[in-house]
Amino acid sequence: MDEPFGALDEITRENLNLELLRLWRETGKTVIFVTHSIPEAVFLSTRIVVMTPRPGKIEAIIPVDLPQPRSFETRELPEFFRLATEVREALRRGHGYEVAE
């Protein structure tokens, strides 16, 4: 799925994120979800693949071990913020920006 929720308002997007997770739990199917939203990537994923710009290469693969099932409260966990920071730093590295240590 390539940016399927990109044009939606935040509340609708969050509700569809929960619906997608419900369908994933029920079907057990693999979903490859492309998004430019770091919080959305962390919320939906069991693994995040961070890509570089052209030519696209894998900069990092970040496992996401947040509790399932996910809920609105998941976005308030310290681990959620830690993962979002890790993804942001990998994106900066992949784009050639300095990352503070």
PDB file of N, CA and C in Angstrom:
ATOM      1  N   MET A   1       0.857  -1.160   0.000  1.00  0.00           N
ATOM      2  CA  MET A   1       0.000   0.000   0.000  1.00  0.00           C
ATOM      3  C   MET A   1       0.910   1.232   0.000  1.00  0.00           C
ATOM      4  N   ASP A   2       0.715   2.122  -0.924  1.00  0.00           N
ATOM      5  CA  ASP A   2       1.565   3.299  -1.052  1.00  0.00           C
ATOM      6  C   ASP A   2       0.795   4.556  -0.661  1.00  0.00           C
ATOM      7  N   GLU A   3       1.061   5.062   0.543  1.00  0.00           N
ATOM      8  CA  GLU A   3       0.446   6.295   1.060  1.00  0.00           C
ATOM      9  C   GLU A   3      -1.083   6.288   0.956  1.00  0.00           C
ATOM     10  N   PRO A   4      -1.762   5.197   1.367  1.00  0.00           N
ATOM     11  CA  PRO A   4      -3.207   5.151   1.175  1.00  0.00           C
ATOM     12  C   PRO A   4      -3.990   6.145   2.033  1.00  0.00           C
ATOM     13  N   PHE A   5      -3.412   6.589   3.149  1.00  0.00           N
ATOM     14  CA  PHE A   5      -4.138   7.484   4.048  1.00  0.00           C
ATOM     15  C   PHE A   5      -3.589   8.909   4.012  1.00  0.00           C
ATOM     16  N   GLY A   6      -2.702   9.198   3.081  1.00  0.00           N
ATOM     17  CA  GLY A   6      -1.990  10.467   3.038  1.00  0.00           C
ATOM     18  C   GLY A   6      -2.875  11.704   2.929  1.00  0.00           C
ATOM     19  N   ALA A   7      -4.012  11.612   2.262  1.00  0.00           N
ATOM     20  CA  ALA A   7      -4.844  12.793   2.029  1.00  0.00           C
ATOM     21  C   ALA A   7      -5.974  12.927   3.045  1.00  0.00           C
ATOM     22  N   LEU A   8      -5.959  12.107   4.084  1.00  0.00           N
ATOM     23  CA  LEU A   8      -7.065  12.101   5.042  1.00  0.00           C
ATOM     24  C   LEU A   8      -6.786  13.012   6.231  1.00  0.00           C
ATOM     25  N   ASP A   9      -7.863  13.457   6.881  1.00  0.00           N
ATOM     26  CA  ASP A   9      -7.685  14.216   8.117  1.00  0.00           C
ATOM     27  C   ASP A   9      -7.167  13.272   9.205  1.00  0.00           C
ATOM     28  N   GLU A  10      -6.587  13.834  10.246  1.00  0.00           N
ATOM     29  CA  GLU A  10      -5.884  13.048  11.266  1.00  0.00           C
ATOM     30  C   GLU A  10      -6.785  12.037  11.977  1.00  0.00           C
ATOM     31  N   ILE A  11      -7.992  12.416  12.320  1.00  0.00           N
ATOM     32  CA  ILE A  11      -8.888  11.509  13.045  1.00  0.00           C
ATOM     33  C   ILE A  11      -9.280  10.321  12.170  1.00  0.00           C
ATOM     34  N   THR A  12      -9.635  10.577  10.921  1.00  0.00           N
ATOM     35  CA  THR A  12      -9.984   9.493  10.000  1.00  0.00           C
ATOM     36  C   THR A  12      -8.777   8.592   9.783  1.00  0.00           C
ATOM     37  N   ARG A  13      -7.605   9.186   9.624  1.00  0.00           N
ATOM     38  CA  ARG A  13      -6.371   8.426   9.409  1.00  0.00           C
ATOM     39  C   ARG A  13      -6.095   7.514  10.603  1.00  0.00           C
ATOM     40  N   GLU A  14      -6.221   8.028  11.820  1.00  0.00           N
ATOM     41  CA  GLU A  14      -5.985   7.206  13.012  1.00  0.00           C
ATOM     42  C   GLU A  14      -6.973   6.055  13.092  1.00  0.00           C
ATOM     43  N   ASN A  15      -8.242   6.313  12.776  1.00  0.00           N
ATOM     44  CA  ASN A  15      -9.241   5.244  12.808  1.00  0.00           C
ATOM     45  C   ASN A  15      -8.959   4.187  11.747  1.00  0.00           C
ATOM     46  N   LEU A  16      -8.528   4.600  10.565  1.00  0.00           N
ATOM     47  CA  LEU A  16      -8.182   3.628   9.522  1.00  0.00           C
ATOM     48  C   LEU A  16      -6.917   2.859   9.883  1.00  0.00           C
ATOM     49  N   ASN A  17      -5.989   3.481  10.592  1.00  0.00           N
ATOM     50  CA  ASN A  17      -4.814   2.750  11.095  1.00  0.00           C
ATOM     51  C   ASN A  17      -5.256   1.604  12.000  1.00  0.00           C
ATOM     52  N   LEU A  18      -6.183   1.892  12.911  1.00  0.00           N
ATOM     53  CA  LEU A  18      -6.691   0.842  13.803  1.00  0.00           C
ATOM     54  C   LEU A  18      -7.417  -0.252  13.017  1.00  0.00           C
ATOM     55  N   GLU A  19      -8.184   0.157  12.011  1.00  0.00           N
ATOM     56  CA  GLU A  19      -8.903  -0.821  11.182  1.00  0.00           C
ATOM     57  C   GLU A  19      -7.926  -1.707  10.408  1.00  0.00           C
ATOM     58  N   LEU A  20      -6.867  -1.113   9.867  1.00  0.00           N
ATOM     59  CA  LEU A  20      -5.860  -1.896   9.159  1.00  0.00           C
ATOM     60  C   LEU A  20      -5.200  -2.905  10.098  1.00  0.00           C
ATOM     61  N   LEU A  21      -4.885  -2.490  11.316  1.00  0.00           N
ATOM     62  CA  LEU A  21      -4.290  -3.418  12.288  1.00  0.00           C
ATOM     63  C   LEU A  21      -5.260  -4.546  12.638  1.00  0.00           C
ATOM     64  N   ARG A  22      -6.547  -4.229  12.745  1.00  0.00           N
ATOM     65  CA  ARG A  22      -7.544  -5.265  13.030  1.00  0.00           C
ATOM     66  C   ARG A  22      -7.588  -6.295  11.897  1.00  0.00           C
ATOM     67  N   LEU A  23      -7.614  -5.806  10.653  1.00  0.00           N
ATOM     68  CA  LEU A  23      -7.623  -6.718   9.502  1.00  0.00           C
ATOM     69  C   LEU A  23      -6.353  -7.566   9.455  1.00  0.00           C
ATOM     70  N   TRP A  24      -5.221  -6.961   9.776  1.00  0.00           N
ATOM     71  CA  TRP A  24      -3.956  -7.689   9.786  1.00  0.00           C
ATOM     72  C   TRP A  24      -3.995  -8.811  10.828  1.00  0.00           C
ATOM     73  N   ARG A  25      -4.503  -8.500  12.032  1.00  0.00           N
ATOM     74  CA  ARG A  25      -4.587  -9.522  13.083  1.00  0.00           C
ATOM     75  C   ARG A  25      -5.509 -10.663  12.661  1.00  0.00           C
ATOM     76  N   GLU A  26      -6.637 -10.308  12.036  1.00  0.00           N
ATOM     77  CA  GLU A  26      -7.615 -11.331  11.652  1.00  0.00           C
ATOM     78  C   GLU A  26      -7.140 -12.202  10.507  1.00  0.00           C
ATOM     79  N   THR A  27      -6.427 -11.632   9.547  1.00  0.00           N
ATOM     80  CA  THR A  27      -6.049 -12.388   8.351  1.00  0.00           C
ATOM     81  C   THR A  27      -4.645 -12.974   8.431  1.00  0.00           C
ATOM     82  N   GLY A  28      -3.761 -12.328   9.199  1.00  0.00           N
ATOM     83  CA  GLY A  28      -2.376 -12.786   9.261  1.00  0.00           C
ATOM     84  C   GLY A  28      -1.591 -12.517   7.985  1.00  0.00           C
ATOM     85  N   LYS A  29      -2.140 -11.704   7.093  1.00  0.00           N
ATOM     86  CA  LYS A  29      -1.478 -11.393   5.825  1.00  0.00           C
ATOM     87  C   LYS A  29      -0.354 -10.377   6.033  1.00  0.00           C
ATOM     88  N   THR A  30       0.661 -10.479   5.192  1.00  0.00           N
ATOM     89  CA  THR A  30       1.747  -9.505   5.202  1.00  0.00           C
ATOM     90  C   THR A  30       1.286  -8.247   4.479  1.00  0.00           C
ATOM     91  N   VAL A  31       1.592  -7.088   5.061  1.00  0.00           N
ATOM     92  CA  VAL A  31       1.259  -5.806   4.443  1.00  0.00           C
ATOM     93  C   VAL A  31       2.541  -4.996   4.333  1.00  0.00           C
ATOM     94  N   ILE A  32       2.820  -4.511   3.136  1.00  0.00           N
ATOM     95  CA  ILE A  32       3.912  -3.559   2.940  1.00  0.00           C
ATOM     96  C   ILE A  32       3.245  -2.207   2.780  1.00  0.00           C
ATOM     97  N   PHE A  33       3.521  -1.321   3.742  1.00  0.00           N
ATOM     98  CA  PHE A  33       2.834  -0.038   3.828  1.00  0.00           C
ATOM     99  C   PHE A  33       3.852   1.075   3.686  1.00  0.00           C
ATOM    100  N   VAL A  34       3.706   1.886   2.659  1.00  0.00           N
ATOM    101  CA  VAL A  34       4.627   3.001   2.411  1.00  0.00           C
ATOM    102  C   VAL A  34       4.007   4.264   2.992  1.00  0.00           C
ATOM    103  N   THR A  35       4.776   4.968   3.825  1.00  0.00           N
ATOM    104  CA  THR A  35       4.299   6.220   4.394  1.00  0.00           C
ATOM    105  C   THR A  35       5.482   7.151   4.634  1.00  0.00           C
ATOM    106  N   HIS A  36       5.213   8.449   4.598  1.00  0.00           N
ATOM    107  CA  HIS A  36       6.218   9.438   4.964  1.00  0.00           C
ATOM    108  C   HIS A  36       5.996   9.917   6.389  1.00  0.00           C
ATOM    109  N   SER A  37       5.003   9.369   7.060  1.00  0.00           N
ATOM    110  CA  SER A  37       4.682   9.746   8.431  1.00  0.00           C
ATOM    111  C   SER A  37       5.414   8.820   9.402  1.00  0.00           C
ATOM    112  N   ILE A  38       6.340   9.381  10.164  1.00  0.00           N
ATOM    113  CA  ILE A  38       7.085   8.577  11.136  1.00  0.00           C
ATOM    114  C   ILE A  38       6.151   7.981  12.187  1.00  0.00           C
ATOM    115  N   PRO A  39       5.250   8.769  12.810  1.00  0.00           N
ATOM    116  CA  PRO A  39       4.354   8.159  13.799  1.00  0.00           C
ATOM    117  C   PRO A  39       3.483   7.042  13.219  1.00  0.00           C
ATOM    118  N   GLU A  40       3.014   7.218  11.996  1.00  0.00           N
ATOM    119  CA  GLU A  40       2.203   6.176  11.369  1.00  0.00           C
ATOM    120  C   GLU A  40       3.035   4.917  11.155  1.00  0.00           C
ATOM    121  N   ALA A  41       4.264   5.067  10.703  1.00  0.00           N
ATOM    122  CA  ALA A  41       5.139   3.911  10.493  1.00  0.00           C
ATOM    123  C   ALA A  41       5.363   3.155  11.795  1.00  0.00           C
ATOM    124  N   VAL A  42       5.653   3.879  12.866  1.00  0.00           N
ATOM    125  CA  VAL A  42       5.896   3.226  14.157  1.00  0.00           C
ATOM    126  C   VAL A  42       4.623   2.547  14.649  1.00  0.00           C
ATOM    127  N   PHE A  43       3.484   3.206  14.525  1.00  0.00           N
ATOM    128  CA  PHE A  43       2.226   2.667  15.022  1.00  0.00           C
ATOM    129  C   PHE A  43       1.816   1.386  14.295  1.00  0.00           C
ATOM    130  N   LEU A  44       1.990   1.347  12.981  1.00  0.00           N
ATOM    131  CA  LEU A  44       1.490   0.223  12.188  1.00  0.00           C
ATOM    132  C   LEU A  44       2.451  -0.952  12.082  1.00  0.00           C
ATOM    133  N   SER A  45       3.714  -0.734  12.349  1.00  0.00           N
ATOM    134  CA  SER A  45       4.733  -1.700  11.937  1.00  0.00           C
ATOM    135  C   SER A  45       5.140  -2.712  12.996  1.00  0.00           C
ATOM    136  N   THR A  46       5.610  -3.839  12.481  1.00  0.00           N
ATOM    137  CA  THR A  46       6.402  -4.762  13.292  1.00  0.00           C
ATOM    138  C   THR A  46       7.869  -4.627  12.905  1.00  0.00           C
ATOM    139  N   ARG A  47       8.100  -3.997  11.734  1.00  0.00           N
ATOM    140  CA  ARG A  47       9.462  -3.743  11.244  1.00  0.00           C
ATOM    141  C   ARG A  47       9.388  -2.565  10.280  1.00  0.00           C
ATOM    142  N   ILE A  48      10.321  -1.619  10.441  1.00  0.00           N
ATOM    143  CA  ILE A  48      10.359  -0.446   9.568  1.00  0.00           C
ATOM    144  C   ILE A  48      11.636  -0.507   8.744  1.00  0.00           C
ATOM    145  N   VAL A  49      11.488  -0.360   7.438  1.00  0.00           N
ATOM    146  CA  VAL A  49      12.634  -0.300   6.535  1.00  0.00           C
ATOM    147  C   VAL A  49      12.773   1.155   6.095  1.00  0.00           C
ATOM    148  N   VAL A  50      13.887   1.772   6.489  1.00  0.00           N
ATOM    149  CA  VAL A  50      14.157   3.172   6.143  1.00  0.00           C
ATOM    150  C   VAL A  50      14.994   3.182   4.875  1.00  0.00           C
ATOM    151  N   MET A  51      14.519   3.929   3.873  1.00  0.00           N
ATOM    152  CA  MET A  51      15.195   3.990   2.579  1.00  0.00           C
ATOM    153  C   MET A  51      15.916   5.316   2.393  1.00  0.00           C
ATOM    154  N   THR A  52      16.969   5.308   1.581  1.00  0.00           N
ATOM    155  CA  THR A  52      17.666   6.530   1.189  1.00  0.00           C
ATOM    156  C   THR A  52      16.991   7.088  -0.060  1.00  0.00           C
ATOM    157  N   PRO A  53      17.283   8.361  -0.379  1.00  0.00           N
ATOM    158  CA  PRO A  53      16.803   8.886  -1.657  1.00  0.00           C
ATOM    159  C   PRO A  53      17.520   8.188  -2.816  1.00  0.00           C
ATOM    160  N   ARG A  54      17.213   8.601  -4.001  1.00  0.00           N
ATOM    161  CA  ARG A  54      17.774   7.990  -5.211  1.00  0.00           C
ATOM    162  C   ARG A  54      19.297   7.915  -5.161  1.00  0.00           C
ATOM    163  N   PRO A  55      19.864   6.809  -5.509  1.00  0.00           N
ATOM    164  CA  PRO A  55      19.171   5.542  -5.728  1.00  0.00           C
ATOM    165  C   PRO A  55      18.735   4.964  -4.387  1.00  0.00           C
ATOM    166  N   GLY A  56      17.512   4.483  -4.330  1.00  0.00           N
ATOM    167  CA  GLY A  56      16.960   3.969  -3.079  1.00  0.00           C
ATOM    168  C   GLY A  56      17.714   2.752  -2.577  1.00  0.00           C
ATOM    169  N   LYS A  57      18.270   2.888  -1.386  1.00  0.00           N
ATOM    170  CA  LYS A  57      18.956   1.791  -0.706  1.00  0.00           C
ATOM    171  C   LYS A  57      18.407   1.699   0.699  1.00  0.00           C
ATOM    172  N   ILE A  58      18.572   0.543   1.312  1.00  0.00           N
ATOM    173  CA  ILE A  58      18.123   0.373   2.688  1.00  0.00           C
ATOM    174  C   ILE A  58      19.142   1.015   3.617  1.00  0.00           C
ATOM    175  N   GLU A  59      18.685   2.000   4.381  1.00  0.00           N
ATOM    176  CA  GLU A  59      19.526   2.670   5.373  1.00  0.00           C
ATOM    177  C   GLU A  59      19.483   1.933   6.705  1.00  0.00           C
ATOM    178  N   ALA A  60      18.298   1.451   7.080  1.00  0.00           N
ATOM    179  CA  ALA A  60      18.148   0.764   8.363  1.00  0.00           C
ATOM    180  C   ALA A  60      16.897  -0.097   8.341  1.00  0.00           C
ATOM    181  N   ILE A  61      16.941  -1.161   9.117  1.00  0.00           N
ATOM    182  CA  ILE A  61      15.761  -1.978   9.391  1.00  0.00           C
ATOM    183  C   ILE A  61      15.582  -1.930  10.899  1.00  0.00           C
ATOM    184  N   ILE A  62      14.439  -1.403  11.319  1.00  0.00           N
ATOM    185  CA  ILE A  62      14.193  -1.167  12.741  1.00  0.00           C
ATOM    186  C   ILE A  62      13.030  -2.046  13.195  1.00  0.00           C
ATOM    187  N   PRO A  63      13.303  -3.016  14.090  1.00  0.00           N
ATOM    188  CA  PRO A  63      12.208  -3.826  14.623  1.00  0.00           C
ATOM    189  C   PRO A  63      11.339  -2.992  15.570  1.00  0.00           C
ATOM    190  N   VAL A  64      10.041  -3.199  15.502  1.00  0.00           N
ATOM    191  CA  VAL A  64       9.091  -2.482  16.359  1.00  0.00           C
ATOM    192  C   VAL A  64       8.410  -3.509  17.255  1.00  0.00           C
ATOM    193  N   ASP A  65       8.750  -3.466  18.536  1.00  0.00           N
ATOM    194  CA  ASP A  65       8.216  -4.445  19.485  1.00  0.00           C
ATOM    195  C   ASP A  65       7.269  -3.767  20.472  1.00  0.00           C
ATOM    196  N   LEU A  66       6.324  -3.011  19.932  1.00  0.00           N
ATOM    197  CA  LEU A  66       5.296  -2.399  20.778  1.00  0.00           C
ATOM    198  C   LEU A  66       4.209  -3.432  21.045  1.00  0.00           C
ATOM    199  N   PRO A  67       3.545  -3.327  22.195  1.00  0.00           N
ATOM    200  CA  PRO A  67       2.504  -4.314  22.522  1.00  0.00           C
ATOM    201  C   PRO A  67       1.371  -4.322  21.501  1.00  0.00           C
ATOM    202  N   GLN A  68       0.838  -5.520  21.288  1.00  0.00           N
ATOM    203  CA  GLN A  68      -0.341  -5.710  20.448  1.00  0.00           C
ATOM    204  C   GLN A  68      -1.470  -6.175  21.354  1.00  0.00           C
ATOM    205  N   PRO A  69      -2.711  -5.852  21.068  1.00  0.00           N
ATOM    206  CA  PRO A  69      -3.128  -4.958  20.008  1.00  0.00           C
ATOM    207  C   PRO A  69      -2.795  -3.507  20.352  1.00  0.00           C
ATOM    208  N   ARG A  70      -2.569  -2.731  19.323  1.00  0.00           N
ATOM    209  CA  ARG A  70      -2.247  -1.318  19.482  1.00  0.00           C
ATOM    210  C   ARG A  70      -3.536  -0.523  19.702  1.00  0.00           C
ATOM    211  N   SER A  71      -3.381   0.612  20.379  1.00  0.00           N
ATOM    212  CA  SER A  71      -4.528   1.476  20.656  1.00  0.00           C
ATOM    213  C   SER A  71      -4.056   2.924  20.566  1.00  0.00           C
ATOM    214  N   PHE A  72      -4.976   3.839  20.742  1.00  0.00           N
ATOM    215  CA  PHE A  72      -4.596   5.253  20.737  1.00  0.00           C
ATOM    216  C   PHE A  72      -3.533   5.528  21.806  1.00  0.00           C
ATOM    217  N   GLU A  73      -3.596   4.808  22.923  1.00  0.00           N
ATOM    218  CA  GLU A  73      -2.645   5.006  24.019  1.00  0.00           C
ATOM    219  C   GLU A  73      -1.231   4.556  23.646  1.00  0.00           C
ATOM    220  N   THR A  74      -1.109   3.683  22.662  1.00  0.00           N
ATOM    221  CA  THR A  74       0.210   3.218  22.221  1.00  0.00           C
ATOM    222  C   THR A  74       1.086   4.394  21.827  1.00  0.00           C
ATOM    223  N   ARG A  75       0.490   5.411  21.238  1.00  0.00           N
ATOM    224  CA  ARG A  75       1.244   6.588  20.772  1.00  0.00           C
ATOM    225  C   ARG A  75       1.798   7.430  21.918  1.00  0.00           C
ATOM    226  N   GLU A  76       1.422   7.128  23.149  1.00  0.00           N
ATOM    227  CA  GLU A  76       1.904   7.881  24.318  1.00  0.00           C
ATOM    228  C   GLU A  76       2.999   7.141  25.083  1.00  0.00           C
ATOM    229  N   LEU A  77       3.349   5.936  24.663  1.00  0.00           N
ATOM    230  CA  LEU A  77       4.363   5.145  25.362  1.00  0.00           C
ATOM    231  C   LEU A  77       5.767   5.704  25.124  1.00  0.00           C
ATOM    232  N   PRO A  78       6.623   5.678  26.145  1.00  0.00           N
ATOM    233  CA  PRO A  78       8.013   6.117  25.954  1.00  0.00           C
ATOM    234  C   PRO A  78       8.709   5.349  24.827  1.00  0.00           C
ATOM    235  N   GLU A  79       8.427   4.067  24.689  1.00  0.00           N
ATOM    236  CA  GLU A  79       9.046   3.257  23.640  1.00  0.00           C
ATOM    237  C   GLU A  79       8.623   3.734  22.249  1.00  0.00           C
ATOM    238  N   PHE A  80       7.393   4.219  22.121  1.00  0.00           N
ATOM    239  CA  PHE A  80       6.923   4.775  20.849  1.00  0.00           C
ATOM    240  C   PHE A  80       7.793   5.966  20.455  1.00  0.00           C
ATOM    241  N   PHE A  81       8.047   6.857  21.408  1.00  0.00           N
ATOM    242  CA  PHE A  81       8.862   8.042  21.134  1.00  0.00           C
ATOM    243  C   PHE A  81      10.314   7.663  20.837  1.00  0.00           C
ATOM    244  N   ARG A  82      10.821   6.649  21.537  1.00  0.00           N
ATOM    245  CA  ARG A  82      12.189   6.197  21.279  1.00  0.00           C
ATOM    246  C   ARG A  82      12.311   5.663  19.854  1.00  0.00           C
ATOM    247  N   LEU A  83      11.332   4.869  19.431  1.00  0.00           N
ATOM    248  CA  LEU A  83      11.349   4.311  18.074  1.00  0.00           C
ATOM    249  C   LEU A  83      11.211   5.408  17.021  1.00  0.00           C
ATOM    250  N   ALA A  84      10.332   6.384  17.269  1.00  0.00           N
ATOM    251  CA  ALA A  84      10.170   7.491  16.321  1.00  0.00           C
ATOM    252  C   ALA A  84      11.487   8.248  16.166  1.00  0.00           C
ATOM    253  N   THR A  85      12.201   8.438  17.265  1.00  0.00           N
ATOM    254  CA  THR A  85      13.507   9.107  17.212  1.00  0.00           C
ATOM    255  C   THR A  85      14.503   8.273  16.423  1.00  0.00           C
ATOM    256  N   GLU A  86      14.501   6.972  16.626  1.00  0.00           N
ATOM    257  CA  GLU A  86      15.413   6.089  15.891  1.00  0.00           C
ATOM    258  C   GLU A  86      15.138   6.148  14.385  1.00  0.00           C
ATOM    259  N   VAL A  87      13.872   6.149  14.002  1.00  0.00           N
ATOM    260  CA  VAL A  87      13.504   6.242  12.583  1.00  0.00           C
ATOM    261  C   VAL A  87      13.946   7.596  12.021  1.00  0.00           C
ATOM    262  N   ARG A  88      13.669   8.669  12.761  1.00  0.00           N
ATOM    263  CA  ARG A  88      14.044  10.021  12.311  1.00  0.00           C
ATOM    264  C   ARG A  88      15.557  10.130  12.100  1.00  0.00           C
ATOM    265  N   GLU A  89      16.334   9.572  13.020  1.00  0.00           N
ATOM    266  CA  GLU A  89      17.796   9.620  12.887  1.00  0.00           C
ATOM    267  C   GLU A  89      18.273   8.802  11.688  1.00  0.00           C
ATOM    268  N   ALA A  90      17.651   7.651  11.433  1.00  0.00           N
ATOM    269  CA  ALA A  90      18.016   6.855  10.256  1.00  0.00           C
ATOM    270  C   ALA A  90      17.680   7.609   8.976  1.00  0.00           C
ATOM    271  N   LEU A  91      16.543   8.305   8.953  1.00  0.00           N
ATOM    272  CA  LEU A  91      16.190   9.109   7.776  1.00  0.00           C
ATOM    273  C   LEU A  91      17.208  10.218   7.560  1.00  0.00           C
ATOM    274  N   ARG A  92      17.621  10.876   8.628  1.00  0.00           N
ATOM    275  CA  ARG A  92      18.616  11.950   8.510  1.00  0.00           C
ATOM    276  C   ARG A  92      19.937  11.403   7.984  1.00  0.00           C
ATOM    277  N   ARG A  93      20.369  10.267   8.517  1.00  0.00           N
ATOM    278  CA  ARG A  93      21.613   9.651   8.018  1.00  0.00           C
ATOM    279  C   ARG A  93      21.486   9.335   6.534  1.00  0.00           C
ATOM    280  N   GLY A  94      20.359   8.753   6.154  1.00  0.00           N
ATOM    281  CA  GLY A  94      20.129   8.365   4.769  1.00  0.00           C
ATOM    282  C   GLY A  94      20.088   9.539   3.808  1.00  0.00           C
ATOM    283  N   HIS A  95      19.753  10.709   4.324  1.00  0.00           N
ATOM    284  CA  HIS A  95      19.718  11.920   3.509  1.00  0.00           C
ATOM    285  C   HIS A  95      21.005  12.738   3.637  1.00  0.00           C
ATOM    286  N   GLY A  96      21.974  12.200   4.386  1.00  0.00           N
ATOM    287  CA  GLY A  96      23.269  12.874   4.501  1.00  0.00           C
ATOM    288  C   GLY A  96      23.325  13.990   5.524  1.00  0.00           C
ATOM    289  N   TYR A  97      22.350  14.046   6.422  1.00  0.00           N
ATOM    290  CA  TYR A  97      22.347  15.054   7.478  1.00  0.00           C
ATOM    291  C   TYR A  97      23.077  14.530   8.706  1.00  0.00           C
ATOM    292  N   GLU A  98      23.684  15.411   9.438  1.00  0.00           N
ATOM    293  CA  GLU A  98      24.372  15.029  10.668  1.00  0.00           C
ATOM    294  C   GLU A  98      23.342  14.639  11.720  1.00  0.00           C
ATOM    295  N   VAL A  99      23.646  13.573  12.445  1.00  0.00           N
ATOM    296  CA  VAL A  99      22.778  13.109  13.507  1.00  0.00           C
ATOM    297  C   VAL A  99      23.492  13.302  14.831  1.00  0.00           C
ATOM    298  N   ALA A 100      22.862  14.011  15.769  1.00  0.00           N
ATOM    299  CA  ALA A 100      23.465  14.242  17.088  1.00  0.00           C
ATOM    300  C   ALA A 100      23.572  12.928  17.848  1.00  0.00           C
ATOM    301  N   GLU A 101      24.671  12.741  18.501  1.00  0.00           N
ATOM    302  CA  GLU A 101      24.882  11.506  19.278  1.00  0.00           C
ATOM    303  C   GLU A 101      24.482  11.712  20.708  1.00  0.00           C
TER     304      GLU A 101
END
